[in-house]
Amino acid sequence: MNYPVFIFHELVLRCSYINRQVGRYISSTIEDGRCLIQTTSGKIAIEPEMLEKQYRNPNEISAEQLKELATAFQVG
């Protein structure tokens, strides 16, 4: 599914509240069935189900899931 770009911005913003290193959204691509979001300081790999939750109802993403995303952030 093609998601509006604001979905990626919002998800990156939510992760950056937990991990300041995340930075700001630059772009996204699909690789190996996952979405790779490039930020100003690295990248985050996100499963399609997580994007769907962010799109339909961001409240479906638990604080624990956000923490996992933010801590899995790859610098560089």
C-alpha atoms as a PDB file:
ATOM      1  CA  MET A   1       0.000   0.000   0.000  1.00  0.00           C
ATOM      2  CA  ASN A   2       1.165   3.519  -0.691  1.00  0.00           C
ATOM      3  CA  TYR A   3       0.978   5.578   2.469  1.00  0.00           C
ATOM      4  CA  PRO A   4       0.902   9.361   2.665  1.00  0.00           C
ATOM      5  CA  VAL A   5       4.279  10.776   3.631  1.00  0.00           C
ATOM      6  CA  PHE A   6       2.932  12.240   6.880  1.00  0.00           C
ATOM      7  CA  ILE A   7       2.646   8.682   8.257  1.00  0.00           C
ATOM      8  CA  PHE A   8       6.431   8.318   8.077  1.00  0.00           C
ATOM      9  CA  HIS A   9       7.035  11.781   9.533  1.00  0.00           C
ATOM     10  CA  GLU A  10       4.744  11.025  12.470  1.00  0.00           C
ATOM     11  CA  LEU A  11       6.327   7.666  13.199  1.00  0.00           C
ATOM     12  CA  VAL A  12       9.833   9.137  13.111  1.00  0.00           C
ATOM     13  CA  LEU A  13       8.705  11.974  15.376  1.00  0.00           C
ATOM     14  CA  ARG A  14       7.207   9.522  17.865  1.00  0.00           C
ATOM     15  CA  CYS A  15      10.451   7.508  17.896  1.00  0.00           C
ATOM     16  CA  SER A  16      12.559  10.648  18.299  1.00  0.00           C
ATOM     17  CA  TYR A  17      10.734  11.465  21.549  1.00  0.00           C
ATOM     18  CA  ILE A  18      12.195   8.219  22.905  1.00  0.00           C
ATOM     19  CA  ASN A  19      15.580   8.304  21.178  1.00  0.00           C
ATOM     20  CA  ARG A  20      16.881  11.784  20.302  1.00  0.00           C
ATOM     21  CA  GLN A  21      19.415  10.287  17.882  1.00  0.00           C
ATOM     22  CA  VAL A  22      16.645   9.327  15.443  1.00  0.00           C
ATOM     23  CA  GLY A  23      16.569  12.758  13.834  1.00  0.00           C
ATOM     24  CA  ARG A  24      14.046  13.819  11.165  1.00  0.00           C
ATOM     25  CA  TYR A  25      12.467  11.954   8.262  1.00  0.00           C
ATOM     26  CA  ILE A  26      14.193  12.101   4.869  1.00  0.00           C
ATOM     27  CA  SER A  27      12.847   9.223   2.755  1.00  0.00           C
ATOM     28  CA  SER A  28      11.552   5.658   2.765  1.00  0.00           C
ATOM     29  CA  THR A  29      12.020   2.529   0.655  1.00  0.00           C
ATOM     30  CA  ILE A  30      10.809  -1.060   0.723  1.00  0.00           C
ATOM     31  CA  GLU A  31      13.488  -3.705   1.198  1.00  0.00           C
ATOM     32  CA  ASP A  32      12.995  -7.391   2.025  1.00  0.00           C
ATOM     33  CA  GLY A  33       9.314  -6.790   2.802  1.00  0.00           C
ATOM     34  CA  ARG A  34      10.063  -4.081   5.356  1.00  0.00           C
ATOM     35  CA  CYS A  35      10.010  -0.340   5.112  1.00  0.00           C
ATOM     36  CA  LEU A  36      13.340   1.366   5.671  1.00  0.00           C
ATOM     37  CA  ILE A  37      12.960   4.936   6.792  1.00  0.00           C
ATOM     38  CA  GLN A  38      15.999   7.116   6.263  1.00  0.00           C
ATOM     39  CA  THR A  39      16.391   9.942   8.760  1.00  0.00           C
ATOM     40  CA  THR A  40      18.891  12.751   9.118  1.00  0.00           C
ATOM     41  CA  SER A  41      21.078  10.517  11.286  1.00  0.00           C
ATOM     42  CA  GLY A  42      20.363   6.907  10.316  1.00  0.00           C
ATOM     43  CA  LYS A  43      17.559   4.487   9.531  1.00  0.00           C
ATOM     44  CA  ILE A  44      14.691   2.566  11.069  1.00  0.00           C
ATOM     45  CA  ALA A  45      13.345  -0.731   9.716  1.00  0.00           C
ATOM     46  CA  ILE A  46       9.579  -1.004  10.129  1.00  0.00           C
ATOM     47  CA  GLU A  47       7.294  -3.944   9.480  1.00  0.00           C
ATOM     48  CA  PRO A  48       4.270  -3.276   7.225  1.00  0.00           C
ATOM     49  CA  GLU A  49       1.888  -4.038  10.100  1.00  0.00           C
ATOM     50  CA  MET A  50       3.350  -1.163  12.096  1.00  0.00           C
ATOM     51  CA  LEU A  51       2.827   1.251   9.206  1.00  0.00           C
ATOM     52  CA  GLU A  52      -0.746   0.056   8.871  1.00  0.00           C
ATOM     53  CA  LYS A  53      -1.359   0.739  12.568  1.00  0.00           C
ATOM     54  CA  GLN A  54       0.169   4.206  12.258  1.00  0.00           C
ATOM     55  CA  TYR A  55      -2.087   4.887   9.293  1.00  0.00           C
ATOM     56  CA  ARG A  56      -5.350   3.492  10.708  1.00  0.00           C
ATOM     57  CA  ASN A  57      -5.001   4.357  14.372  1.00  0.00           C
ATOM     58  CA  PRO A  58      -1.635   5.409  15.859  1.00  0.00           C
ATOM     59  CA  ASN A  59      -2.932   4.570  19.341  1.00  0.00           C
ATOM     60  CA  GLU A  60      -2.738   0.885  18.364  1.00  0.00           C
ATOM     61  CA  ILE A  61       1.039   1.137  18.609  1.00  0.00           C
ATOM     62  CA  SER A  62       1.972   0.510  22.217  1.00  0.00           C
ATOM     63  CA  ALA A  63       4.628   2.436  24.104  1.00  0.00           C
ATOM     64  CA  GLU A  64       6.651  -0.784  24.201  1.00  0.00           C
ATOM     65  CA  GLN A  65       6.489  -1.164  20.416  1.00  0.00           C
ATOM     66  CA  LEU A  66       7.626   2.433  19.949  1.00  0.00           C
ATOM     67  CA  LYS A  67      10.467   1.873  22.383  1.00  0.00           C
ATOM     68  CA  GLU A  68      11.555  -1.208  20.408  1.00  0.00           C
ATOM     69  CA  LEU A  69      11.568   0.802  17.170  1.00  0.00           C
ATOM     70  CA  ALA A  70      13.463   3.690  18.724  1.00  0.00           C
ATOM     71  CA  THR A  71      16.112   1.468  20.286  1.00  0.00           C
ATOM     72  CA  ALA A  72      16.534  -0.553  17.057  1.00  0.00           C
ATOM     73  CA  PHE A  73      17.412   2.670  15.243  1.00  0.00           C
ATOM     74  CA  GLN A  74      20.665   2.331  13.286  1.00  0.00           C
ATOM     75  CA  VAL A  75      22.959   5.329  13.248  1.00  0.00           C
ATOM     76  CA  GLY A  76      24.638   6.094   9.958  1.00  0.00           C
END
